[in-house]
């Protein structure tokens, strides 16, 4: 497997995870209380920008993939719906949002630690920049 192939596979994996997170946040935006709407929309905007940049990079590399979404996106959406049935999606939901962002960040870290990804400058730079943006958002979200 070539370096480019491994790097583009990692980018596809990140793109899938980003799309899955977006499905959950879009559902949350429809159901959340006004007090967290700004946070949810800020995260949607960031992840949409990330997904668009990832898609553009894959296109530039002539590596368009299948849908680049997974069952996890449906799970994220279902969790939001169930949580909304049980309780309000208010500030109390933000620690779970933080955990989700940390899980996504961990996918970036794993990809960036792959030596073949780090040998592909454009993918590495894109993922590193996006990981930094996610870190900034994690710092803004409550822990408890």
C-alpha atoms as a PDB file:
ATOM      1  CA  UNK A   1       0.000   0.000   0.000  1.00  0.00           C
ATOM      2  CA  UNK A   2       1.422   3.362  -0.968  1.00  0.00           C
ATOM      3  CA  UNK A   3       1.837   6.325   1.338  1.00  0.00           C
ATOM      4  CA  UNK A   4      -0.817   8.205  -0.613  1.00  0.00           C
ATOM      5  CA  UNK A   5      -3.262   5.312  -0.277  1.00  0.00           C
ATOM      6  CA  UNK A   6      -2.791   5.086   3.505  1.00  0.00           C
ATOM      7  CA  UNK A   7      -3.038   8.847   3.857  1.00  0.00           C
ATOM      8  CA  UNK A   8      -6.207   9.065   1.766  1.00  0.00           C
ATOM      9  CA  UNK A   9      -7.734   6.170   3.719  1.00  0.00           C
ATOM     10  CA  UNK A  10      -7.062   8.096   6.927  1.00  0.00           C
ATOM     11  CA  UNK A  11      -8.640  11.186   5.372  1.00  0.00           C
ATOM     12  CA  UNK A  12     -11.696   9.150   4.329  1.00  0.00           C
ATOM     13  CA  UNK A  13     -11.970   7.835   7.902  1.00  0.00           C
ATOM     14  CA  UNK A  14     -11.844  11.361   9.324  1.00  0.00           C
ATOM     15  CA  UNK A  15     -14.335  12.558   6.714  1.00  0.00           C
ATOM     16  CA  UNK A  16     -16.723   9.767   7.685  1.00  0.00           C
ATOM     17  CA  UNK A  17     -16.382  10.603  11.389  1.00  0.00           C
ATOM     18  CA  UNK A  18     -16.944  14.299  10.653  1.00  0.00           C
ATOM     19  CA  UNK A  19     -20.088  13.558   8.644  1.00  0.00           C
ATOM     20  CA  UNK A  20     -21.352  11.308  11.433  1.00  0.00           C
ATOM     21  CA  UNK A  21     -20.835  14.043  14.030  1.00  0.00           C
ATOM     22  CA  UNK A  22     -22.625  16.511  11.791  1.00  0.00           C
ATOM     23  CA  UNK A  23     -25.699  14.255  11.618  1.00  0.00           C
ATOM     24  CA  UNK A  24     -25.926  14.243  15.400  1.00  0.00           C
ATOM     25  CA  UNK A  25     -25.413  18.006  15.729  1.00  0.00           C
ATOM     26  CA  UNK A  26     -27.986  18.786  13.051  1.00  0.00           C
ATOM     27  CA  UNK A  27     -30.510  16.708  14.962  1.00  0.00           C
ATOM     28  CA  UNK A  28     -29.473  18.448  18.159  1.00  0.00           C
ATOM     29  CA  UNK A  29     -29.932  21.867  16.546  1.00  0.00           C
ATOM     30  CA  UNK A  30     -33.536  20.978  15.772  1.00  0.00           C
ATOM     31  CA  UNK A  31     -34.244  19.804  19.321  1.00  0.00           C
ATOM     32  CA  UNK A  32     -32.013  21.778  21.686  1.00  0.00           C
ATOM     33  CA  UNK A  33     -33.025  24.534  24.042  1.00  0.00           C
ATOM     34  CA  UNK A  34     -32.209  28.114  22.995  1.00  0.00           C
ATOM     35  CA  UNK A  35     -29.504  28.397  25.677  1.00  0.00           C
ATOM     36  CA  UNK A  36     -27.181  26.039  23.753  1.00  0.00           C
ATOM     37  CA  UNK A  37     -28.217  26.854  20.191  1.00  0.00           C
ATOM     38  CA  UNK A  38     -25.176  29.124  19.695  1.00  0.00           C
ATOM     39  CA  UNK A  39     -22.802  26.344  20.734  1.00  0.00           C
ATOM     40  CA  UNK A  40     -24.484  23.730  18.560  1.00  0.00           C
ATOM     41  CA  UNK A  41     -24.514  26.012  15.514  1.00  0.00           C
ATOM     42  CA  UNK A  42     -20.872  26.978  16.073  1.00  0.00           C
ATOM     43  CA  UNK A  43     -19.915  23.283  16.090  1.00  0.00           C
ATOM     44  CA  UNK A  44     -22.023  22.581  13.002  1.00  0.00           C
ATOM     45  CA  UNK A  45     -20.330  25.444  11.162  1.00  0.00           C
ATOM     46  CA  UNK A  46     -16.854  24.268  12.152  1.00  0.00           C
ATOM     47  CA  UNK A  47     -17.465  20.645  11.219  1.00  0.00           C
ATOM     48  CA  UNK A  48     -19.173  21.620   7.958  1.00  0.00           C
ATOM     49  CA  UNK A  49     -16.109  23.675   7.019  1.00  0.00           C
ATOM     50  CA  UNK A  50     -13.917  20.710   7.941  1.00  0.00           C
ATOM     51  CA  UNK A  51     -16.029  18.285   5.893  1.00  0.00           C
ATOM     52  CA  UNK A  52     -15.931  20.614   2.887  1.00  0.00           C
ATOM     53  CA  UNK A  53     -12.148  20.976   3.111  1.00  0.00           C
ATOM     54  CA  UNK A  54     -11.749  17.206   3.487  1.00  0.00           C
ATOM     55  CA  UNK A  55     -13.960  16.605   0.461  1.00  0.00           C
ATOM     56  CA  UNK A  56     -12.014  19.175  -1.561  1.00  0.00           C
ATOM     57  CA  UNK A  57      -8.709  17.514  -0.647  1.00  0.00           C
ATOM     58  CA  UNK A  58     -10.056  14.088  -1.586  1.00  0.00           C
ATOM     59  CA  UNK A  59     -11.270  15.518  -4.884  1.00  0.00           C
ATOM     60  CA  UNK A  60      -7.903  17.146  -5.527  1.00  0.00           C
ATOM     61  CA  UNK A  61      -6.279  13.770  -4.968  1.00  0.00           C
ATOM     62  CA  UNK A  62      -8.881  12.181  -7.228  1.00  0.00           C
ATOM     63  CA  UNK A  63      -9.948  10.018  -4.314  1.00  0.00           C
ATOM     64  CA  UNK A  64     -13.660  10.588  -4.043  1.00  0.00           C
ATOM     65  CA  UNK A  65     -15.141   7.879  -1.980  1.00  0.00           C
ATOM     66  CA  UNK A  66     -18.493   6.417  -1.338  1.00  0.00           C
ATOM     67  CA  UNK A  67     -20.918   8.329   0.838  1.00  0.00           C
ATOM     68  CA  UNK A  68     -18.284   8.742   3.598  1.00  0.00           C
ATOM     69  CA  UNK A  69     -20.843   8.316   6.313  1.00  0.00           C
ATOM     70  CA  UNK A  70     -21.541   5.316   8.493  1.00  0.00           C
ATOM     71  CA  UNK A  71     -24.090   3.791  10.806  1.00  0.00           C
ATOM     72  CA  UNK A  72     -22.502   5.870  13.587  1.00  0.00           C
ATOM     73  CA  UNK A  73     -24.167   8.955  12.144  1.00  0.00           C
ATOM     74  CA  UNK A  74     -27.544   7.297  12.574  1.00  0.00           C
ATOM     75  CA  UNK A  75     -26.578   6.248  16.104  1.00  0.00           C
ATOM     76  CA  UNK A  76     -25.604   9.845  16.921  1.00  0.00           C
ATOM     77  CA  UNK A  77     -28.949  11.055  15.629  1.00  0.00           C
ATOM     78  CA  UNK A  78     -30.854   8.378  17.585  1.00  0.00           C
ATOM     79  CA  UNK A  79     -28.999   9.209  20.818  1.00  0.00           C
ATOM     80  CA  UNK A  80     -29.988  12.855  20.458  1.00  0.00           C
ATOM     81  CA  UNK A  81     -33.608  11.911  19.843  1.00  0.00           C
ATOM     82  CA  UNK A  82     -33.717   9.564  22.849  1.00  0.00           C
ATOM     83  CA  UNK A  83     -32.006  12.066  25.121  1.00  0.00           C
ATOM     84  CA  UNK A  84     -34.519  14.687  24.047  1.00  0.00           C
ATOM     85  CA  UNK A  85     -37.391  12.353  24.953  1.00  0.00           C
ATOM     86  CA  UNK A  86     -35.957  11.758  28.428  1.00  0.00           C
ATOM     87  CA  UNK A  87     -34.792  15.279  29.218  1.00  0.00           C
ATOM     88  CA  UNK A  88     -34.239  18.663  27.669  1.00  0.00           C
ATOM     89  CA  UNK A  89     -31.239  19.277  25.452  1.00  0.00           C
ATOM     90  CA  UNK A  90     -29.911  22.150  27.501  1.00  0.00           C
ATOM     91  CA  UNK A  91     -26.588  23.035  29.152  1.00  0.00           C
ATOM     92  CA  UNK A  92     -26.589  19.620  30.827  1.00  0.00           C
ATOM     93  CA  UNK A  93     -25.996  18.071  27.388  1.00  0.00           C
ATOM     94  CA  UNK A  94     -22.753  19.981  26.804  1.00  0.00           C
ATOM     95  CA  UNK A  95     -20.426  17.628  28.753  1.00  0.00           C
ATOM     96  CA  UNK A  96     -21.598  14.818  26.441  1.00  0.00           C
ATOM     97  CA  UNK A  97     -20.912  17.087  23.461  1.00  0.00           C
ATOM     98  CA  UNK A  98     -17.411  17.646  24.867  1.00  0.00           C
ATOM     99  CA  UNK A  99     -16.899  13.870  25.099  1.00  0.00           C
ATOM    100  CA  UNK A 100     -17.989  13.499  21.477  1.00  0.00           C
ATOM    101  CA  UNK A 101     -15.548  16.193  20.393  1.00  0.00           C
ATOM    102  CA  UNK A 102     -12.771  14.467  22.355  1.00  0.00           C
ATOM    103  CA  UNK A 103     -13.567  11.159  20.636  1.00  0.00           C
ATOM    104  CA  UNK A 104     -13.345  12.859  17.234  1.00  0.00           C
ATOM    105  CA  UNK A 105     -10.110  14.583  18.241  1.00  0.00           C
ATOM    106  CA  UNK A 106      -8.693  11.176  19.187  1.00  0.00           C
ATOM    107  CA  UNK A 107      -9.371   9.953  15.628  1.00  0.00           C
ATOM    108  CA  UNK A 108      -7.356  12.898  14.329  1.00  0.00           C
ATOM    109  CA  UNK A 109      -4.510  12.140  16.737  1.00  0.00           C
ATOM    110  CA  UNK A 110      -4.429   8.504  15.636  1.00  0.00           C
ATOM    111  CA  UNK A 111      -4.362   9.524  11.967  1.00  0.00           C
ATOM    112  CA  UNK A 112      -1.638  12.113  12.542  1.00  0.00           C
ATOM    113  CA  UNK A 113       0.520   9.563  14.387  1.00  0.00           C
ATOM    114  CA  UNK A 114       0.545   7.319  11.306  1.00  0.00           C
ATOM    115  CA  UNK A 115       3.948   7.845   9.687  1.00  0.00           C
ATOM    116  CA  UNK A 116       2.495   7.470   6.209  1.00  0.00           C
ATOM    117  CA  UNK A 117      -0.022  10.260   6.886  1.00  0.00           C
ATOM    118  CA  UNK A 118       2.735  12.513   8.213  1.00  0.00           C
ATOM    119  CA  UNK A 119       4.657  11.871   4.961  1.00  0.00           C
ATOM    120  CA  UNK A 120       1.758  13.320   2.935  1.00  0.00           C
ATOM    121  CA  UNK A 121       2.127  17.092   3.523  1.00  0.00           C
ATOM    122  CA  UNK A 122      -1.267  18.345   2.332  1.00  0.00           C
ATOM    123  CA  UNK A 123      -3.293  15.771   4.247  1.00  0.00           C
ATOM    124  CA  UNK A 124      -1.136  16.121   7.358  1.00  0.00           C
ATOM    125  CA  UNK A 125      -1.453  19.923   7.336  1.00  0.00           C
ATOM    126  CA  UNK A 126      -5.214  19.773   6.819  1.00  0.00           C
ATOM    127  CA  UNK A 127      -5.778  17.280   9.634  1.00  0.00           C
ATOM    128  CA  UNK A 128      -3.391  19.079  11.992  1.00  0.00           C
ATOM    129  CA  UNK A 129      -5.162  22.396  11.433  1.00  0.00           C
ATOM    130  CA  UNK A 130      -8.590  20.837  11.952  1.00  0.00           C
ATOM    131  CA  UNK A 131      -7.437  19.041  15.085  1.00  0.00           C
ATOM    132  CA  UNK A 132      -6.316  22.413  16.470  1.00  0.00           C
ATOM    133  CA  UNK A 133      -9.759  23.903  15.826  1.00  0.00           C
ATOM    134  CA  UNK A 134     -11.399  20.966  17.593  1.00  0.00           C
ATOM    135  CA  UNK A 135      -9.034  21.399  20.561  1.00  0.00           C
ATOM    136  CA  UNK A 136     -10.114  25.040  20.804  1.00  0.00           C
ATOM    137  CA  UNK A 137     -13.775  24.037  20.876  1.00  0.00           C
ATOM    138  CA  UNK A 138     -13.136  21.322  23.476  1.00  0.00           C
ATOM    139  CA  UNK A 139     -11.549  23.935  25.740  1.00  0.00           C
ATOM    140  CA  UNK A 140     -14.720  26.068  25.450  1.00  0.00           C
ATOM    141  CA  UNK A 141     -17.097  23.243  26.437  1.00  0.00           C
ATOM    142  CA  UNK A 142     -17.909  22.462  30.080  1.00  0.00           C
ATOM    143  CA  UNK A 143     -16.408  19.330  31.613  1.00  0.00           C
ATOM    144  CA  UNK A 144     -19.343  18.714  33.926  1.00  0.00           C
END
